[in-house]
Amino acid sequence: MPDGFAFAMDCKGAKTVITFRFSKDLVAQTIETLIPQHKAASSSILTMMRRVGDCPNQKAPDKAT
């Protein structure tokens, strides 16, 4: 993925896929749990995190040349 990464855990009877996508001030995380035997119990959770400002007393990053 050009803007993030994903990994999966494949267990007997269930599969979980966790995905992170990044943009300038936003991180989106998705957790999908797939249960083939009980499709109604499968789920997907989306969490959006947005940067709202700089941390107090945070040192500015060094500029690369």
PDB file of N, CA and C in Angstrom:
ATOM      1  N   MET A   1       0.846  -1.177   0.000  1.00  0.00           N
ATOM      2  CA  MET A   1       0.000   0.000   0.000  1.00  0.00           C
ATOM      3  C   MET A   1       0.894   1.244   0.000  1.00  0.00           C
ATOM      4  N   PRO A   2       0.674   2.166  -0.886  1.00  0.00           N
ATOM      5  CA  PRO A   2       1.540   3.344  -0.949  1.00  0.00           C
ATOM      6  C   PRO A   2       1.349   4.325   0.217  1.00  0.00           C
ATOM      7  N   ASP A   3       0.209   4.276   0.887  1.00  0.00           N
ATOM      8  CA  ASP A   3      -0.060   5.241   1.957  1.00  0.00           C
ATOM      9  C   ASP A   3      -0.240   4.587   3.322  1.00  0.00           C
ATOM     10  N   GLY A   4       0.267   3.369   3.502  1.00  0.00           N
ATOM     11  CA  GLY A   4       0.110   2.711   4.792  1.00  0.00           C
ATOM     12  C   GLY A   4       0.592   1.280   4.748  1.00  0.00           C
ATOM     13  N   PHE A   5       0.017   0.465   5.619  1.00  0.00           N
ATOM     14  CA  PHE A   5       0.380  -0.945   5.658  1.00  0.00           C
ATOM     15  C   PHE A   5      -0.771  -1.747   6.239  1.00  0.00           C
ATOM     16  N   ALA A   6      -0.713  -3.048   6.049  1.00  0.00           N
ATOM     17  CA  ALA A   6      -1.739  -3.947   6.582  1.00  0.00           C
ATOM     18  C   ALA A   6      -1.083  -5.263   6.965  1.00  0.00           C
ATOM     19  N   PHE A   7      -1.687  -5.938   7.905  1.00  0.00           N
ATOM     20  CA  PHE A   7      -1.261  -7.300   8.226  1.00  0.00           C
ATOM     21  C   PHE A   7      -2.478  -8.105   8.630  1.00  0.00           C
ATOM     22  N   ALA A   8      -2.343  -9.424   8.491  1.00  0.00           N
ATOM     23  CA  ALA A   8      -3.474 -10.312   8.758  1.00  0.00           C
ATOM     24  C   ALA A   8      -3.047 -11.436   9.683  1.00  0.00           C
ATOM     25  N   MET A   9      -4.003 -11.890  10.475  1.00  0.00           N
ATOM     26  CA  MET A   9      -3.815 -13.053  11.335  1.00  0.00           C
ATOM     27  C   MET A   9      -4.881 -14.061  10.926  1.00  0.00           C
ATOM     28  N   ASP A  10      -4.450 -15.190  10.449  1.00  0.00           N
ATOM     29  CA  ASP A  10      -5.370 -16.213   9.981  1.00  0.00           C
ATOM     30  C   ASP A  10      -5.394 -17.354  10.986  1.00  0.00           C
ATOM     31  N   CYS A  11      -6.442 -17.411  11.784  1.00  0.00           N
ATOM     32  CA  CYS A  11      -6.597 -18.456  12.788  1.00  0.00           C
ATOM     33  C   CYS A  11      -7.678 -19.430  12.326  1.00  0.00           C
ATOM     34  N   LYS A  12      -7.761 -20.562  12.960  1.00  0.00           N
ATOM     35  CA  LYS A  12      -8.778 -21.547  12.604  1.00  0.00           C
ATOM     36  C   LYS A  12     -10.164 -20.950  12.873  1.00  0.00           C
ATOM     37  N   GLY A  13     -10.953 -20.781  11.831  1.00  0.00           N
ATOM     38  CA  GLY A  13     -12.315 -20.294  11.972  1.00  0.00           C
ATOM     39  C   GLY A  13     -12.481 -18.792  11.913  1.00  0.00           C
ATOM     40  N   ALA A  14     -11.379 -18.036  11.884  1.00  0.00           N
ATOM     41  CA  ALA A  14     -11.497 -16.572  11.844  1.00  0.00           C
ATOM     42  C   ALA A  14     -10.240 -15.973  11.228  1.00  0.00           C
ATOM     43  N   LYS A  15     -10.406 -14.821  10.630  1.00  0.00           N
ATOM     44  CA  LYS A  15      -9.288 -14.088  10.050  1.00  0.00           C
ATOM     45  C   LYS A  15      -9.441 -12.623  10.442  1.00  0.00           C
ATOM     46  N   THR A  16      -8.358 -12.012  10.911  1.00  0.00           N
ATOM     47  CA  THR A  16      -8.378 -10.602  11.282  1.00  0.00           C
ATOM     48  C   THR A  16      -7.393  -9.852  10.398  1.00  0.00           C
ATOM     49  N   VAL A  17      -7.853  -8.748   9.816  1.00  0.00           N
ATOM     50  CA  VAL A  17      -7.022  -7.901   8.971  1.00  0.00           C
ATOM     51  C   VAL A  17      -6.999  -6.510   9.589  1.00  0.00           C
ATOM     52  N   ILE A  18      -5.807  -5.999   9.866  1.00  0.00           N
ATOM     53  CA  ILE A  18      -5.643  -4.663  10.437  1.00  0.00           C
ATOM     54  C   ILE A  18      -4.928  -3.804   9.397  1.00  0.00           C
ATOM     55  N   THR A  19      -5.526  -2.667   9.078  1.00  0.00           N
ATOM     56  CA  THR A  19      -5.007  -1.780   8.042  1.00  0.00           C
ATOM     57  C   THR A  19      -4.812  -0.378   8.606  1.00  0.00           C
ATOM     58  N   PHE A  20      -3.675   0.230   8.291  1.00  0.00           N
ATOM     59  CA  PHE A  20      -3.399   1.621   8.636  1.00  0.00           C
ATOM     60  C   PHE A  20      -3.164   2.395   7.352  1.00  0.00           C
ATOM     61  N   ARG A  21      -3.807   3.554   7.215  1.00  0.00           N
ATOM     62  CA  ARG A  21      -3.589   4.446   6.079  1.00  0.00           C
ATOM     63  C   ARG A  21      -3.276   5.835   6.622  1.00  0.00           C
ATOM     64  N   PHE A  22      -2.259   6.465   6.024  1.00  0.00           N
ATOM     65  CA  PHE A  22      -1.769   7.740   6.524  1.00  0.00           C
ATOM     66  C   PHE A  22      -1.923   8.833   5.484  1.00  0.00           C
ATOM     67  N   SER A  23      -2.278  10.019   5.937  1.00  0.00           N
ATOM     68  CA  SER A  23      -2.219  11.223   5.118  1.00  0.00           C
ATOM     69  C   SER A  23      -1.587  12.307   5.976  1.00  0.00           C
ATOM     70  N   LYS A  24      -1.530  13.527   5.495  1.00  0.00           N
ATOM     71  CA  LYS A  24      -0.790  14.581   6.199  1.00  0.00           C
ATOM     72  C   LYS A  24      -1.205  14.715   7.667  1.00  0.00           C
ATOM     73  N   ASP A  25      -2.461  14.875   7.958  1.00  0.00           N
ATOM     74  CA  ASP A  25      -2.936  15.081   9.332  1.00  0.00           C
ATOM     75  C   ASP A  25      -3.968  14.052   9.757  1.00  0.00           C
ATOM     76  N   LEU A  26      -3.983  12.874   9.119  1.00  0.00           N
ATOM     77  CA  LEU A  26      -5.015  11.892   9.405  1.00  0.00           C
ATOM     78  C   LEU A  26      -4.441  10.479   9.348  1.00  0.00           C
ATOM     79  N   VAL A  27      -4.869   9.643  10.296  1.00  0.00           N
ATOM     80  CA  VAL A  27      -4.557   8.212  10.283  1.00  0.00           C
ATOM     81  C   VAL A  27      -5.884   7.471  10.363  1.00  0.00           C
ATOM     82  N   ALA A  28      -6.085   6.533   9.464  1.00  0.00           N
ATOM     83  CA  ALA A  28      -7.294   5.703   9.475  1.00  0.00           C
ATOM     84  C   ALA A  28      -6.870   4.259   9.766  1.00  0.00           C
ATOM     85  N   GLN A  29      -7.493   3.661  10.758  1.00  0.00           N
ATOM     86  CA  GLN A  29      -7.215   2.276  11.125  1.00  0.00           C
ATOM     87  C   GLN A  29      -8.497   1.479  10.957  1.00  0.00           C
ATOM     88  N   THR A  30      -8.395   0.343  10.285  1.00  0.00           N
ATOM     89  CA  THR A  30      -9.539  -0.554  10.124  1.00  0.00           C
ATOM     90  C   THR A  30      -9.168  -1.918  10.682  1.00  0.00           C
ATOM     91  N   ILE A  31     -10.050  -2.462  11.512  1.00  0.00           N
ATOM     92  CA  ILE A  31      -9.891  -3.829  12.031  1.00  0.00           C
ATOM     93  C   ILE A  31     -11.081  -4.628  11.507  1.00  0.00           C
ATOM     94  N   GLU A  32     -10.788  -5.599  10.662  1.00  0.00           N
ATOM     95  CA  GLU A  32     -11.844  -6.449  10.109  1.00  0.00           C
ATOM     96  C   GLU A  32     -11.678  -7.863  10.655  1.00  0.00           C
ATOM     97  N   THR A  33     -12.723  -8.402  11.229  1.00  0.00           N
ATOM     98  CA  THR A  33     -12.731  -9.776  11.709  1.00  0.00           C
ATOM     99  C   THR A  33     -13.724 -10.554  10.856  1.00  0.00           C
ATOM    100  N   LEU A  34     -13.223 -11.554  10.153  1.00  0.00           N
ATOM    101  CA  LEU A  34     -14.045 -12.341   9.241  1.00  0.00           C
ATOM    102  C   LEU A  34     -14.219 -13.749   9.813  1.00  0.00           C
ATOM    103  N   ILE A  35     -15.474 -14.146   9.981  1.00  0.00           N
ATOM    104  CA  ILE A  35     -15.788 -15.471  10.507  1.00  0.00           C
ATOM    105  C   ILE A  35     -16.670 -16.164   9.472  1.00  0.00           C
ATOM    106  N   PRO A  36     -16.079 -16.976   8.601  1.00  0.00           N
ATOM    107  CA  PRO A  36     -16.850 -17.577   7.503  1.00  0.00           C
ATOM    108  C   PRO A  36     -18.039 -18.435   7.955  1.00  0.00           C
ATOM    109  N   GLN A  37     -17.908 -19.139   9.071  1.00  0.00           N
ATOM    110  CA  GLN A  37     -18.995 -20.008   9.536  1.00  0.00           C
ATOM    111  C   GLN A  37     -20.175 -19.218  10.106  1.00  0.00           C
ATOM    112  N   HIS A  38     -19.923 -18.000  10.577  1.00  0.00           N
ATOM    113  CA  HIS A  38     -20.967 -17.159  11.187  1.00  0.00           C
ATOM    114  C   HIS A  38     -20.821 -15.738  10.660  1.00  0.00           C
ATOM    115  N   LYS A  39     -21.228 -15.531   9.417  1.00  0.00           N
ATOM    116  CA  LYS A  39     -21.032 -14.231   8.767  1.00  0.00           C
ATOM    117  C   LYS A  39     -21.667 -13.080   9.544  1.00  0.00           C
ATOM    118  N   ALA A  40     -22.751 -13.311  10.248  1.00  0.00           N
ATOM    119  CA  ALA A  40     -23.396 -12.248  11.020  1.00  0.00           C
ATOM    120  C   ALA A  40     -22.511 -11.790  12.189  1.00  0.00           C
ATOM    121  N   ALA A  41     -21.574 -12.627  12.615  1.00  0.00           N
ATOM    122  CA  ALA A  41     -20.685 -12.264  13.720  1.00  0.00           C
ATOM    123  C   ALA A  41     -19.422 -11.548  13.238  1.00  0.00           C
ATOM    124  N   SER A  42     -19.205 -11.491  11.925  1.00  0.00           N
ATOM    125  CA  SER A  42     -18.061 -10.771  11.377  1.00  0.00           C
ATOM    126  C   SER A  42     -18.244  -9.278  11.635  1.00  0.00           C
ATOM    127  N   SER A  43     -17.124  -8.551  11.707  1.00  0.00           N
ATOM    128  CA  SER A  43     -17.237  -7.119  12.012  1.00  0.00           C
ATOM    129  C   SER A  43     -16.128  -6.327  11.339  1.00  0.00           C
ATOM    130  N   SER A  44     -16.356  -5.035  11.268  1.00  0.00           N
ATOM    131  CA  SER A  44     -15.363  -4.099  10.758  1.00  0.00           C
ATOM    132  C   SER A  44     -15.435  -2.839  11.614  1.00  0.00           C
ATOM    133  N   ILE A  45     -14.296  -2.401  12.125  1.00  0.00           N
ATOM    134  CA  ILE A  45     -14.232  -1.213  12.972  1.00  0.00           C
ATOM    135  C   ILE A  45     -13.281  -0.220  12.316  1.00  0.00           C
ATOM    136  N   LEU A  46     -13.766   0.983  12.067  1.00  0.00           N
ATOM    137  CA  LEU A  46     -12.947   2.053  11.497  1.00  0.00           C
ATOM    138  C   LEU A  46     -12.684   3.094  12.570  1.00  0.00           C
ATOM    139  N   THR A  47     -11.405   3.426  12.776  1.00  0.00           N
ATOM    140  CA  THR A  47     -11.020   4.465  13.724  1.00  0.00           C
ATOM    141  C   THR A  47     -10.272   5.544  12.957  1.00  0.00           C
ATOM    142  N   MET A  48     -10.732   6.785  13.080  1.00  0.00           N
ATOM    143  CA  MET A  48     -10.089   7.915  12.414  1.00  0.00           C
ATOM    144  C   MET A  48      -9.399   8.761  13.483  1.00  0.00           C
ATOM    145  N   MET A  49      -8.142   9.075  13.269  1.00  0.00           N
ATOM    146  CA  MET A  49      -7.389   9.913  14.197  1.00  0.00           C
ATOM    147  C   MET A  49      -6.854  11.102  13.422  1.00  0.00           C
ATOM    148  N   ARG A  50      -7.092  12.301  13.948  1.00  0.00           N
ATOM    149  CA  ARG A  50      -6.688  13.519  13.263  1.00  0.00           C
ATOM    150  C   ARG A  50      -5.758  14.320  14.148  1.00  0.00           C
ATOM    151  N   ARG A  51      -4.703  14.816  13.567  1.00  0.00           N
ATOM    152  CA  ARG A  51      -3.782  15.683  14.299  1.00  0.00           C
ATOM    153  C   ARG A  51      -4.401  17.069  14.403  1.00  0.00           C
ATOM    154  N   VAL A  52      -4.455  17.599  15.602  1.00  0.00           N
ATOM    155  CA  VAL A  52      -5.105  18.896  15.804  1.00  0.00           C
ATOM    156  C   VAL A  52      -4.107  19.989  16.186  1.00  0.00           C
ATOM    157  N   GLY A  53      -2.872  19.659  16.439  1.00  0.00           N
ATOM    158  CA  GLY A  53      -1.886  20.676  16.789  1.00  0.00           C
ATOM    159  C   GLY A  53      -0.592  20.043  17.239  1.00  0.00           C
ATOM    160  N   ASP A  54       0.398  20.880  17.425  1.00  0.00           N
ATOM    161  CA  ASP A  54       1.692  20.390  17.878  1.00  0.00           C
ATOM    162  C   ASP A  54       1.669  20.185  19.386  1.00  0.00           C
ATOM    163  N   CYS A  55       2.489  19.269  19.850  1.00  0.00           N
ATOM    164  CA  CYS A  55       2.603  19.020  21.283  1.00  0.00           C
ATOM    165  C   CYS A  55       3.366  20.174  21.925  1.00  0.00           C
ATOM    166  N   PRO A  56       2.993  20.595  23.138  1.00  0.00           N
ATOM    167  CA  PRO A  56       3.724  21.653  23.801  1.00  0.00           C
ATOM    168  C   PRO A  56       5.172  21.233  24.066  1.00  0.00           C
ATOM    169  N   ASN A  57       6.090  22.170  23.932  1.00  0.00           N
ATOM    170  CA  ASN A  57       7.522  21.946  24.184  1.00  0.00           C
ATOM    171  C   ASN A  57       8.141  20.917  23.248  1.00  0.00           C
ATOM    172  N   GLN A  58       7.535  20.696  22.101  1.00  0.00           N
ATOM    173  CA  GLN A  58       8.061  19.728  21.146  1.00  0.00           C
ATOM    174  C   GLN A  58       9.186  20.373  20.351  1.00  0.00           C
ATOM    175  N   LYS A  59      10.312  19.664  20.244  1.00  0.00           N
ATOM    176  CA  LYS A  59      11.458  20.170  19.495  1.00  0.00           C
ATOM    177  C   LYS A  59      11.192  19.982  17.999  1.00  0.00           C
ATOM    178  N   ALA A  60      11.499  21.006  17.235  1.00  0.00           N
ATOM    179  CA  ALA A  60      11.329  20.923  15.777  1.00  0.00           C
ATOM    180  C   ALA A  60      12.302  19.900  15.211  1.00  0.00           C
ATOM    181  N   PRO A  61      11.891  19.126  14.195  1.00  0.00           N
ATOM    182  CA  PRO A  61      12.795  18.135  13.611  1.00  0.00           C
ATOM    183  C   PRO A  61      13.954  18.817  12.890  1.00  0.00           C
ATOM    184  N   ASP A  62      15.093  18.148  12.881  1.00  0.00           N
ATOM    185  CA  ASP A  62      16.254  18.674  12.167  1.00  0.00           C
ATOM    186  C   ASP A  62      15.977  18.596  10.669  1.00  0.00           C
ATOM    187  N   LYS A  63      16.403  19.627   9.947  1.00  0.00           N
ATOM    188  CA  LYS A  63      16.184  19.659   8.496  1.00  0.00           C
ATOM    189  C   LYS A  63      17.292  18.855   7.807  1.00  0.00           C
ATOM    190  N   ALA A  64      16.887  17.975   6.903  1.00  0.00           N
ATOM    191  CA  ALA A  64      17.856  17.188   6.131  1.00  0.00           C
ATOM    192  C   ALA A  64      18.379  18.044   4.994  1.00  0.00           C
ATOM    193  N   THR A  65      19.620  17.859   4.677  1.00  0.00           N
ATOM    194  CA  THR A  65      20.192  18.642   3.573  1.00  0.00           C
ATOM    195  C   THR A  65      20.401  17.798   2.359  1.00  0.00           C
TER     196      THR A  65
END
